[in-house]
Amino acid sequence: MGWGGKGKGCWHRHHHGGIGLGGAAAEAALIGTAAVAGAAVASAVAPRRPCPRAEVVVIPTPARASPPVVLLERTGRGRGRSGTPVEEMPPLSVSAIGMPAAAIVQQGGVTYFGIEVMPETGASYRVQKRYQDFEVLRDSLARLAPRSMIDRGFPRKHMFSCEGAKLEERRRGLEQWLKGALNHPLGRLGWCLKLRDFLEVGQIHTLAYAQALQSNPCSFSAPSAPEEMLETSEGQPMQILVPNGVECGQTLAVTVPDGRQLTVTVPPGFAGGSELLLWFDADAGTLSPLV
């Protein structure tokens, strides 16, 4: 098993860049009676005294799409005036991917496949996706390019539980399929935004875990669950970005390093878009604002 810059199932040569994208990614979903207001990105923040940093696993929300980057055309010098919104297509910015068997985790009876991502700039990082998330991506790419035959080679569903040899076969199939999508000519064109959103390109990811991957990028000996190397008994600080539209007094659900979802109330003075420092106590199972 190696990184997926090249390999079977690829349509054309994949251009490699540098390794990495640093930082820790997490999301906080707004808990309301009617709808989810947004997601908060959580990352480990270094305390005054050195301590292990946490890998924050984001439970994906299929309904959420990557927001497009919008530019406004301007005319004249200095002043200018806004014109027709123009969507800017960002680069794919992914050098290679890998899906080691050791990165498969079970959370609440759901299987998550770990995807090691090597960006063109920055440190390597891991995201976790369900089989259903791959299906959503496949359907999205097929709608964008019906003649691309992107659905070919996609691992089939099983009538009963997928374990053992079946799970390993599914993992290999998903890895080859994803590599093929990234190496397809449309991977850097019409599919770019969907692939970037799926691989969480440009988001904040765990620095400590990313550095471990970068020091030995071809090894998949990392623990299958982030908490095995990152959890501390005394707790740890975390930082989240309060979603736009969220007001003080509202409740957010944050996925913490050990995979649990804990709730926290936004304190006064922290509007949407602001950074909020939290303290995660793994033993007590609590998440509290440090204000």
C-alpha atoms as a PDB file:
ATOM      1  CA  MET A   1       0.000   0.000   0.000  1.00  0.00           C
ATOM      2  CA  GLY A   2       1.461   3.367  -0.921  1.00  0.00           C
ATOM      3  CA  TRP A   3       0.476   6.858  -1.744  1.00  0.00           C
ATOM      4  CA  GLY A   4      -1.836   7.376  -4.661  1.00  0.00           C
ATOM      5  CA  GLY A   5      -0.135   9.842  -6.965  1.00  0.00           C
ATOM      6  CA  LYS A   6       0.021   7.107  -9.570  1.00  0.00           C
ATOM      7  CA  GLY A   7      -1.306   3.605  -9.773  1.00  0.00           C
ATOM      8  CA  LYS A   8      -3.879   1.303 -11.224  1.00  0.00           C
ATOM      9  CA  GLY A   9      -7.221   2.748 -12.111  1.00  0.00           C
ATOM     10  CA  CYS A  10      -5.806   6.177 -13.002  1.00  0.00           C
ATOM     11  CA  TRP A  11      -6.692   7.976 -16.223  1.00  0.00           C
ATOM     12  CA  HIS A  12      -3.555  10.110 -16.601  1.00  0.00           C
ATOM     13  CA  ARG A  13      -0.357  10.995 -14.906  1.00  0.00           C
ATOM     14  CA  HIS A  14      -0.772  12.756 -11.563  1.00  0.00           C
ATOM     15  CA  HIS A  15       1.550  15.716 -11.020  1.00  0.00           C
ATOM     16  CA  HIS A  16       3.119  15.710  -7.601  1.00  0.00           C
ATOM     17  CA  GLY A  17       3.968  18.690  -5.540  1.00  0.00           C
ATOM     18  CA  GLY A  18       5.284  19.136  -2.027  1.00  0.00           C
ATOM     19  CA  ILE A  19       3.942  17.319   0.978  1.00  0.00           C
ATOM     20  CA  GLY A  20       1.479  18.640   3.338  1.00  0.00           C
ATOM     21  CA  LEU A  21      -1.101  20.937   4.890  1.00  0.00           C
ATOM     22  CA  GLY A  22      -0.636  21.676   8.628  1.00  0.00           C
ATOM     23  CA  GLY A  23      -3.032  22.156  11.442  1.00  0.00           C
ATOM     24  CA  ALA A  24      -6.037  20.336  12.988  1.00  0.00           C
ATOM     25  CA  ALA A  25      -9.507  20.187  11.560  1.00  0.00           C
ATOM     26  CA  ALA A  26     -12.732  19.913  13.366  1.00  0.00           C
ATOM     27  CA  GLU A  27     -16.242  20.997  12.948  1.00  0.00           C
ATOM     28  CA  ALA A  28     -18.995  22.053  15.312  1.00  0.00           C
ATOM     29  CA  ALA A  29     -22.587  21.548  14.163  1.00  0.00           C
ATOM     30  CA  LEU A  30     -25.227  23.907  15.510  1.00  0.00           C
ATOM     31  CA  ILE A  31     -27.860  22.006  17.535  1.00  0.00           C
ATOM     32  CA  GLY A  32     -31.330  23.510  17.165  1.00  0.00           C
ATOM     33  CA  THR A  33     -34.870  22.270  17.208  1.00  0.00           C
ATOM     34  CA  ALA A  34     -35.298  22.659  13.455  1.00  0.00           C
ATOM     35  CA  ALA A  35     -31.958  22.751  11.648  1.00  0.00           C
ATOM     36  CA  VAL A  36     -28.208  22.613  11.933  1.00  0.00           C
ATOM     37  CA  ALA A  37     -26.776  26.116  11.693  1.00  0.00           C
ATOM     38  CA  GLY A  38     -23.216  25.297  10.740  1.00  0.00           C
ATOM     39  CA  ALA A  39     -20.027  23.529  11.561  1.00  0.00           C
ATOM     40  CA  ALA A  40     -17.201  24.635  13.794  1.00  0.00           C
ATOM     41  CA  VAL A  41     -13.667  23.788  12.887  1.00  0.00           C
ATOM     42  CA  ALA A  42     -11.781  22.522  15.910  1.00  0.00           C
ATOM     43  CA  SER A  43      -8.043  22.307  16.280  1.00  0.00           C
ATOM     44  CA  ALA A  44      -5.621  21.490  19.048  1.00  0.00           C
ATOM     45  CA  VAL A  45      -3.968  24.593  20.543  1.00  0.00           C
ATOM     46  CA  ALA A  46      -0.570  24.324  22.175  1.00  0.00           C
ATOM     47  CA  PRO A  47      -0.754  25.059  25.934  1.00  0.00           C
ATOM     48  CA  ARG A  48       1.937  26.946  27.791  1.00  0.00           C
ATOM     49  CA  ARG A  49       3.507  23.653  28.841  1.00  0.00           C
ATOM     50  CA  PRO A  50       4.140  21.139  26.036  1.00  0.00           C
ATOM     51  CA  CYS A  51       1.482  18.431  25.812  1.00  0.00           C
ATOM     52  CA  PRO A  52       0.203  16.095  23.074  1.00  0.00           C
ATOM     53  CA  ARG A  53      -2.089  17.710  20.534  1.00  0.00           C
ATOM     54  CA  ALA A  54      -5.344  16.145  19.481  1.00  0.00           C
ATOM     55  CA  GLU A  55      -6.542  14.851  16.153  1.00  0.00           C
ATOM     56  CA  VAL A  56     -10.110  16.096  15.840  1.00  0.00           C
ATOM     57  CA  VAL A  57     -12.236  13.743  13.780  1.00  0.00           C
ATOM     58  CA  VAL A  58     -14.959  15.494  11.869  1.00  0.00           C
ATOM     59  CA  ILE A  59     -18.173  13.537  11.427  1.00  0.00           C
ATOM     60  CA  PRO A  60     -19.109  14.407   7.850  1.00  0.00           C
ATOM     61  CA  THR A  61     -22.382  16.099   6.963  1.00  0.00           C
ATOM     62  CA  PRO A  62     -23.246  15.101   3.369  1.00  0.00           C
ATOM     63  CA  ALA A  63     -25.696  17.986   2.911  1.00  0.00           C
ATOM     64  CA  ARG A  64     -22.927  20.546   3.328  1.00  0.00           C
ATOM     65  CA  ALA A  65     -21.096  21.680   0.206  1.00  0.00           C
ATOM     66  CA  SER A  66     -17.853  23.604  -0.147  1.00  0.00           C
ATOM     67  CA  PRO A  67     -18.639  27.312  -0.479  1.00  0.00           C
ATOM     68  CA  PRO A  68     -17.396  28.777  -3.759  1.00  0.00           C
ATOM     69  CA  VAL A  69     -14.897  31.608  -3.822  1.00  0.00           C
ATOM     70  CA  VAL A  70     -16.605  34.674  -5.279  1.00  0.00           C
ATOM     71  CA  LEU A  71     -14.810  37.640  -6.792  1.00  0.00           C
ATOM     72  CA  LEU A  72     -16.379  40.909  -7.864  1.00  0.00           C
ATOM     73  CA  GLU A  73     -15.254  42.472 -11.110  1.00  0.00           C
ATOM     74  CA  ARG A  74     -14.163  46.089 -10.748  1.00  0.00           C
ATOM     75  CA  THR A  75     -13.605  48.888 -13.223  1.00  0.00           C
ATOM     76  CA  GLY A  76     -11.554  52.071 -13.113  1.00  0.00           C
ATOM     77  CA  ARG A  77      -8.765  52.945 -10.716  1.00  0.00           C
ATOM     78  CA  GLY A  78      -9.048  52.940  -6.975  1.00  0.00           C
ATOM     79  CA  ARG A  79     -12.800  53.313  -6.662  1.00  0.00           C
ATOM     80  CA  GLY A  80     -14.306  50.762  -8.986  1.00  0.00           C
ATOM     81  CA  ARG A  81     -17.772  49.314  -8.694  1.00  0.00           C
ATOM     82  CA  SER A  82     -19.058  45.834  -8.125  1.00  0.00           C
ATOM     83  CA  GLY A  83     -20.158  43.873 -11.141  1.00  0.00           C
ATOM     84  CA  THR A  84     -21.221  40.345 -11.964  1.00  0.00           C
ATOM     85  CA  PRO A  85     -20.066  37.751  -9.383  1.00  0.00           C
ATOM     86  CA  VAL A  86     -17.395  35.488 -10.852  1.00  0.00           C
ATOM     87  CA  GLU A  87     -16.643  32.087  -9.358  1.00  0.00           C
ATOM     88  CA  GLU A  88     -12.938  31.373  -9.047  1.00  0.00           C
ATOM     89  CA  MET A  89     -11.881  27.735  -9.482  1.00  0.00           C
ATOM     90  CA  PRO A  90      -9.202  26.918  -6.887  1.00  0.00           C
ATOM     91  CA  PRO A  91      -6.477  24.375  -7.672  1.00  0.00           C
ATOM     92  CA  LEU A  92      -6.947  20.774  -6.546  1.00  0.00           C
ATOM     93  CA  SER A  93      -3.773  21.073  -4.421  1.00  0.00           C
ATOM     94  CA  VAL A  94      -3.564  17.326  -3.718  1.00  0.00           C
ATOM     95  CA  SER A  95      -0.335  15.480  -4.479  1.00  0.00           C
ATOM     96  CA  ALA A  96      -1.354  11.970  -3.436  1.00  0.00           C
ATOM     97  CA  ILE A  97      -3.673   9.955  -1.193  1.00  0.00           C
ATOM     98  CA  GLY A  98      -3.552   6.621   0.594  1.00  0.00           C
ATOM     99  CA  MET A  99      -6.062   4.548   2.562  1.00  0.00           C
ATOM    100  CA  PRO A 100      -4.189   2.223   4.951  1.00  0.00           C
ATOM    101  CA  ALA A 101      -6.098  -0.612   6.569  1.00  0.00           C
ATOM    102  CA  ALA A 102      -4.876   0.584   9.985  1.00  0.00           C
ATOM    103  CA  ALA A 103      -6.810   3.829   9.497  1.00  0.00           C
ATOM    104  CA  ILE A 104     -10.227   2.114   9.557  1.00  0.00           C
ATOM    105  CA  VAL A 105     -12.134   2.955  12.739  1.00  0.00           C
ATOM    106  CA  GLN A 106     -15.526   2.024  14.175  1.00  0.00           C
ATOM    107  CA  GLN A 107     -17.608   4.759  15.803  1.00  0.00           C
ATOM    108  CA  GLY A 108     -21.089   4.042  17.095  1.00  0.00           C
ATOM    109  CA  GLY A 109     -21.384   0.971  14.893  1.00  0.00           C
ATOM    110  CA  VAL A 110     -20.362   2.948  11.781  1.00  0.00           C
ATOM    111  CA  THR A 111     -17.207   2.193   9.795  1.00  0.00           C
ATOM    112  CA  TYR A 112     -14.984   5.109   8.813  1.00  0.00           C
ATOM    113  CA  PHE A 113     -12.184   4.775   6.266  1.00  0.00           C
ATOM    114  CA  GLY A 114      -9.126   6.910   6.996  1.00  0.00           C
ATOM    115  CA  ILE A 115      -7.719   8.776   3.996  1.00  0.00           C
ATOM    116  CA  GLU A 116      -4.142  10.042   4.270  1.00  0.00           C
ATOM    117  CA  VAL A 117      -3.896  13.215   2.167  1.00  0.00           C
ATOM    118  CA  MET A 118      -0.600  14.650   0.905  1.00  0.00           C
ATOM    119  CA  PRO A 119      -1.296  18.230  -0.239  1.00  0.00           C
ATOM    120  CA  GLU A 120       0.975  20.032  -2.658  1.00  0.00           C
ATOM    121  CA  THR A 121       1.957  22.420   0.141  1.00  0.00           C
ATOM    122  CA  GLY A 122       1.919  21.852   3.881  1.00  0.00           C
ATOM    123  CA  ALA A 123       1.842  18.747   6.051  1.00  0.00           C
ATOM    124  CA  SER A 124       0.031  15.487   5.414  1.00  0.00           C
ATOM    125  CA  TYR A 125      -3.204  14.863   7.288  1.00  0.00           C
ATOM    126  CA  ARG A 126      -6.007  12.322   7.665  1.00  0.00           C
ATOM    127  CA  VAL A 127      -9.734  12.579   7.040  1.00  0.00           C
ATOM    128  CA  GLN A 128     -12.307   9.884   7.804  1.00  0.00           C
ATOM    129  CA  LYS A 129     -15.205   9.055   5.506  1.00  0.00           C
ATOM    130  CA  ARG A 130     -18.030   6.516   5.481  1.00  0.00           C
ATOM    131  CA  TYR A 131     -18.893   4.298   2.539  1.00  0.00           C
ATOM    132  CA  GLN A 132     -22.002   6.451   2.070  1.00  0.00           C
ATOM    133  CA  ASP A 133     -19.795   9.545   1.727  1.00  0.00           C
ATOM    134  CA  PHE A 134     -17.962   7.891  -1.150  1.00  0.00           C
ATOM    135  CA  GLU A 135     -21.330   7.102  -2.745  1.00  0.00           C
ATOM    136  CA  VAL A 136     -22.401  10.743  -2.476  1.00  0.00           C
ATOM    137  CA  LEU A 137     -19.139  11.844  -4.099  1.00  0.00           C
ATOM    138  CA  ARG A 138     -19.515   9.274  -6.889  1.00  0.00           C
ATOM    139  CA  ASP A 139     -23.064  10.411  -7.662  1.00  0.00           C
ATOM    140  CA  SER A 140     -22.017  14.075  -7.622  1.00  0.00           C
ATOM    141  CA  LEU A 141     -19.163  13.473 -10.066  1.00  0.00           C
ATOM    142  CA  ALA A 142     -21.400  11.372 -12.313  1.00  0.00           C
ATOM    143  CA  ARG A 143     -23.993  14.159 -12.473  1.00  0.00           C
ATOM    144  CA  LEU A 144     -21.312  16.654 -13.468  1.00  0.00           C
ATOM    145  CA  ALA A 145     -19.949  14.359 -16.189  1.00  0.00           C
ATOM    146  CA  PRO A 146     -22.469  11.637 -17.155  1.00  0.00           C
ATOM    147  CA  ARG A 147     -20.165  10.193 -19.846  1.00  0.00           C
ATOM    148  CA  SER A 148     -17.117   9.949 -17.609  1.00  0.00           C
ATOM    149  CA  MET A 149     -17.963   6.389 -16.475  1.00  0.00           C
ATOM    150  CA  ILE A 150     -16.759   7.375 -13.004  1.00  0.00           C
ATOM    151  CA  ASP A 151     -19.120   4.841 -11.443  1.00  0.00           C
ATOM    152  CA  ARG A 152     -17.192   1.948 -12.994  1.00  0.00           C
ATOM    153  CA  GLY A 153     -15.090   0.008 -10.519  1.00  0.00           C
ATOM    154  CA  PHE A 154     -16.894   1.431  -7.501  1.00  0.00           C
ATOM    155  CA  PRO A 155     -17.187  -1.221  -4.722  1.00  0.00           C
ATOM    156  CA  ARG A 156     -20.677  -2.658  -4.503  1.00  0.00           C
ATOM    157  CA  LYS A 157     -22.928  -2.741  -1.476  1.00  0.00           C
ATOM    158  CA  HIS A 158     -23.351  -5.869   0.628  1.00  0.00           C
ATOM    159  CA  MET A 159     -26.665  -7.224   1.806  1.00  0.00           C
ATOM    160  CA  PHE A 160     -25.301  -7.882   5.277  1.00  0.00           C
ATOM    161  CA  SER A 161     -22.479  -6.484   7.407  1.00  0.00           C
ATOM    162  CA  CYS A 162     -19.174  -5.741   5.714  1.00  0.00           C
ATOM    163  CA  GLU A 163     -16.378  -7.225   7.820  1.00  0.00           C
ATOM    164  CA  GLY A 164     -13.126  -9.112   7.492  1.00  0.00           C
ATOM    165  CA  ALA A 165     -12.147  -9.916   3.913  1.00  0.00           C
ATOM    166  CA  LYS A 166     -15.165  -8.038   2.537  1.00  0.00           C
ATOM    167  CA  LEU A 167     -14.146  -4.892   4.405  1.00  0.00           C
ATOM    168  CA  GLU A 168     -10.580  -5.131   3.120  1.00  0.00           C
ATOM    169  CA  GLU A 169     -11.847  -5.622  -0.425  1.00  0.00           C
ATOM    170  CA  ARG A 170     -14.056  -2.550  -0.055  1.00  0.00           C
ATOM    171  CA  ARG A 171     -11.164  -0.490   1.311  1.00  0.00           C
ATOM    172  CA  ARG A 172      -8.907  -1.411  -1.626  1.00  0.00           C
ATOM    173  CA  GLY A 173     -11.700  -0.722  -4.088  1.00  0.00           C
ATOM    174  CA  LEU A 174     -12.494   2.687  -2.619  1.00  0.00           C
ATOM    175  CA  GLU A 175      -8.823   3.634  -2.598  1.00  0.00           C
ATOM    176  CA  GLN A 176      -8.334   2.728  -6.261  1.00  0.00           C
ATOM    177  CA  TRP A 177     -11.562   4.470  -7.238  1.00  0.00           C
ATOM    178  CA  LEU A 178     -10.607   7.683  -5.429  1.00  0.00           C
ATOM    179  CA  LYS A 179      -7.142   7.677  -6.985  1.00  0.00           C
ATOM    180  CA  GLY A 180      -8.770   7.294 -10.372  1.00  0.00           C
ATOM    181  CA  ALA A 181     -11.079  10.245  -9.757  1.00  0.00           C
ATOM    182  CA  LEU A 182      -8.164  12.432  -8.668  1.00  0.00           C
ATOM    183  CA  ASN A 183      -6.094  11.459 -11.711  1.00  0.00           C
ATOM    184  CA  HIS A 184      -8.959  11.869 -14.174  1.00  0.00           C
ATOM    185  CA  PRO A 185      -8.658  14.958 -16.443  1.00  0.00           C
ATOM    186  CA  LEU A 186     -11.778  16.349 -14.770  1.00  0.00           C
ATOM    187  CA  GLY A 187     -10.130  16.017 -11.353  1.00  0.00           C
ATOM    188  CA  ARG A 188      -8.514  19.424 -11.777  1.00  0.00           C
ATOM    189  CA  LEU A 189     -11.376  20.917 -13.742  1.00  0.00           C
ATOM    190  CA  GLY A 190     -15.105  20.311 -13.276  1.00  0.00           C
ATOM    191  CA  TRP A 191     -14.688  17.902 -10.353  1.00  0.00           C
ATOM    192  CA  CYS A 192     -12.171  20.021  -8.484  1.00  0.00           C
ATOM    193  CA  LEU A 193     -14.521  21.638  -5.953  1.00  0.00           C
ATOM    194  CA  LYS A 194     -16.237  18.339  -5.095  1.00  0.00           C
ATOM    195  CA  LEU A 195     -12.915  16.565  -4.576  1.00  0.00           C
ATOM    196  CA  ARG A 196     -11.487  19.411  -2.498  1.00  0.00           C
ATOM    197  CA  ASP A 197     -14.569  19.396  -0.283  1.00  0.00           C
ATOM    198  CA  PHE A 198     -14.453  15.612   0.121  1.00  0.00           C
ATOM    199  CA  LEU A 199     -10.761  15.645   1.106  1.00  0.00           C
ATOM    200  CA  GLU A 200     -11.228  18.790   3.219  1.00  0.00           C
ATOM    201  CA  VAL A 201      -8.477  20.634   1.354  1.00  0.00           C
ATOM    202  CA  GLY A 202      -7.715  24.026   2.855  1.00  0.00           C
ATOM    203  CA  GLN A 203      -9.197  23.239   6.254  1.00  0.00           C
ATOM    204  CA  ILE A 204      -7.272  23.097   9.530  1.00  0.00           C
ATOM    205  CA  HIS A 205      -5.834  19.721  10.480  1.00  0.00           C
ATOM    206  CA  THR A 206      -3.899  18.353  13.425  1.00  0.00           C
ATOM    207  CA  LEU A 207      -0.306  19.559  13.471  1.00  0.00           C
ATOM    208  CA  ALA A 208       1.092  16.799  15.688  1.00  0.00           C
ATOM    209  CA  TYR A 209      -0.423  14.021  13.592  1.00  0.00           C
ATOM    210  CA  ALA A 210       0.556  15.729  10.344  1.00  0.00           C
ATOM    211  CA  GLN A 211       4.177  15.997  11.484  1.00  0.00           C
ATOM    212  CA  ALA A 212       4.217  12.285  12.325  1.00  0.00           C
ATOM    213  CA  LEU A 213       3.018  11.433   8.837  1.00  0.00           C
ATOM    214  CA  GLN A 214       5.487  13.806   7.207  1.00  0.00           C
ATOM    215  CA  SER A 215       8.436  12.264   9.042  1.00  0.00           C
ATOM    216  CA  ASN A 216       7.552   8.834   7.615  1.00  0.00           C
ATOM    217  CA  PRO A 217       5.133   9.447   4.721  1.00  0.00           C
ATOM    218  CA  CYS A 218       5.256   5.942   3.256  1.00  0.00           C
ATOM    219  CA  SER A 219       4.553   4.152   6.529  1.00  0.00           C
ATOM    220  CA  PHE A 220       1.037   3.373   7.676  1.00  0.00           C
ATOM    221  CA  SER A 221       1.992   2.351  11.192  1.00  0.00           C
ATOM    222  CA  ALA A 222       0.030   5.209  12.756  1.00  0.00           C
ATOM    223  CA  PRO A 223      -2.600   4.096  15.320  1.00  0.00           C
ATOM    224  CA  SER A 224      -6.014   3.270  13.923  1.00  0.00           C
ATOM    225  CA  ALA A 225      -7.704   5.688  16.314  1.00  0.00           C
ATOM    226  CA  PRO A 226      -6.312   9.175  16.994  1.00  0.00           C
ATOM    227  CA  GLU A 227      -6.948   8.992  20.721  1.00  0.00           C
ATOM    228  CA  GLU A 228      -4.448   6.143  21.123  1.00  0.00           C
ATOM    229  CA  MET A 229      -1.556   8.583  20.864  1.00  0.00           C
ATOM    230  CA  LEU A 230      -3.221  11.926  21.581  1.00  0.00           C
ATOM    231  CA  GLU A 231      -5.545  11.547  24.549  1.00  0.00           C
ATOM    232  CA  THR A 232      -4.350  12.889  27.904  1.00  0.00           C
ATOM    233  CA  SER A 233      -5.844  12.234  31.326  1.00  0.00           C
ATOM    234  CA  GLU A 234      -5.706  15.895  32.411  1.00  0.00           C
ATOM    235  CA  GLY A 235      -7.509  17.254  29.387  1.00  0.00           C
ATOM    236  CA  GLN A 236      -6.356  19.627  26.694  1.00  0.00           C
ATOM    237  CA  PRO A 237      -7.208  22.976  25.104  1.00  0.00           C
ATOM    238  CA  MET A 238      -8.994  23.149  21.758  1.00  0.00           C
ATOM    239  CA  GLN A 239      -9.934  26.005  19.486  1.00  0.00           C
ATOM    240  CA  ILE A 240     -13.028  26.222  17.293  1.00  0.00           C
ATOM    241  CA  LEU A 241     -14.292  28.691  14.736  1.00  0.00           C
ATOM    242  CA  VAL A 242     -17.855  29.710  15.574  1.00  0.00           C
ATOM    243  CA  PRO A 243     -19.987  29.246  12.413  1.00  0.00           C
ATOM    244  CA  ASN A 244     -21.382  32.314  10.709  1.00  0.00           C
ATOM    245  CA  GLY A 245     -24.910  33.127  11.850  1.00  0.00           C
ATOM    246  CA  VAL A 246     -24.416  31.656  15.320  1.00  0.00           C
ATOM    247  CA  GLU A 247     -25.146  33.910  18.301  1.00  0.00           C
ATOM    248  CA  CYS A 248     -24.231  33.706  21.973  1.00  0.00           C
ATOM    249  CA  GLY A 249     -26.401  31.329  23.965  1.00  0.00           C
ATOM    250  CA  GLN A 250     -26.757  28.850  21.115  1.00  0.00           C
ATOM    251  CA  THR A 251     -25.444  25.300  21.458  1.00  0.00           C
ATOM    252  CA  LEU A 252     -22.790  23.687  19.293  1.00  0.00           C
ATOM    253  CA  ALA A 253     -21.919  19.996  18.978  1.00  0.00           C
ATOM    254  CA  VAL A 254     -18.176  19.456  18.648  1.00  0.00           C
ATOM    255  CA  THR A 255     -16.478  16.183  17.748  1.00  0.00           C
ATOM    256  CA  VAL A 256     -13.595  15.859  20.209  1.00  0.00           C
ATOM    257  CA  PRO A 257     -10.334  13.872  19.769  1.00  0.00           C
ATOM    258  CA  ASP A 258     -11.694  10.593  21.148  1.00  0.00           C
ATOM    259  CA  GLY A 259     -14.556  10.583  18.624  1.00  0.00           C
ATOM    260  CA  ARG A 260     -17.327  11.653  20.980  1.00  0.00           C
ATOM    261  CA  GLN A 261     -19.608  14.578  20.247  1.00  0.00           C
ATOM    262  CA  LEU A 262     -19.846  17.030  23.143  1.00  0.00           C
ATOM    263  CA  THR A 263     -21.948  20.160  23.377  1.00  0.00           C
ATOM    264  CA  VAL A 264     -20.866  23.649  24.352  1.00  0.00           C
ATOM    265  CA  THR A 265     -22.846  26.881  24.678  1.00  0.00           C
ATOM    266  CA  VAL A 266     -21.459  29.914  22.869  1.00  0.00           C
ATOM    267  CA  PRO A 267     -20.625  32.501  25.572  1.00  0.00           C
ATOM    268  CA  PRO A 268     -21.402  36.237  25.265  1.00  0.00           C
ATOM    269  CA  GLY A 269     -19.074  38.218  23.039  1.00  0.00           C
ATOM    270  CA  PHE A 270     -18.405  35.436  20.531  1.00  0.00           C
ATOM    271  CA  ALA A 271     -20.301  36.023  17.314  1.00  0.00           C
ATOM    272  CA  GLY A 272     -20.161  33.930  14.153  1.00  0.00           C
ATOM    273  CA  GLY A 273     -16.686  33.857  12.613  1.00  0.00           C
ATOM    274  CA  SER A 274     -14.851  34.395  15.913  1.00  0.00           C
ATOM    275  CA  GLU A 275     -12.426  31.933  17.485  1.00  0.00           C
ATOM    276  CA  LEU A 276     -13.396  30.309  20.770  1.00  0.00           C
ATOM    277  CA  LEU A 277     -10.929  28.565  23.076  1.00  0.00           C
ATOM    278  CA  LEU A 278     -12.274  25.449  24.829  1.00  0.00           C
ATOM    279  CA  TRP A 279     -11.030  22.988  27.430  1.00  0.00           C
ATOM    280  CA  PHE A 280     -11.668  19.303  26.732  1.00  0.00           C
ATOM    281  CA  ASP A 281     -11.682  16.995  29.777  1.00  0.00           C
ATOM    282  CA  ALA A 282     -11.567  13.442  28.434  1.00  0.00           C
ATOM    283  CA  ASP A 283     -12.148  11.793  31.823  1.00  0.00           C
ATOM    284  CA  ALA A 284     -15.156  13.931  32.719  1.00  0.00           C
ATOM    285  CA  GLY A 285     -16.440  14.016  29.148  1.00  0.00           C
ATOM    286  CA  THR A 286     -16.904  17.783  29.196  1.00  0.00           C
ATOM    287  CA  LEU A 287     -16.110  20.689  26.885  1.00  0.00           C
ATOM    288  CA  SER A 288     -15.973  24.161  28.481  1.00  0.00           C
ATOM    289  CA  PRO A 289     -15.186  27.674  27.156  1.00  0.00           C
ATOM    290  CA  LEU A 290     -11.928  29.183  28.455  1.00  0.00           C
ATOM    291  CA  VAL A 291     -13.218  32.742  28.914  1.00  0.00           C
END
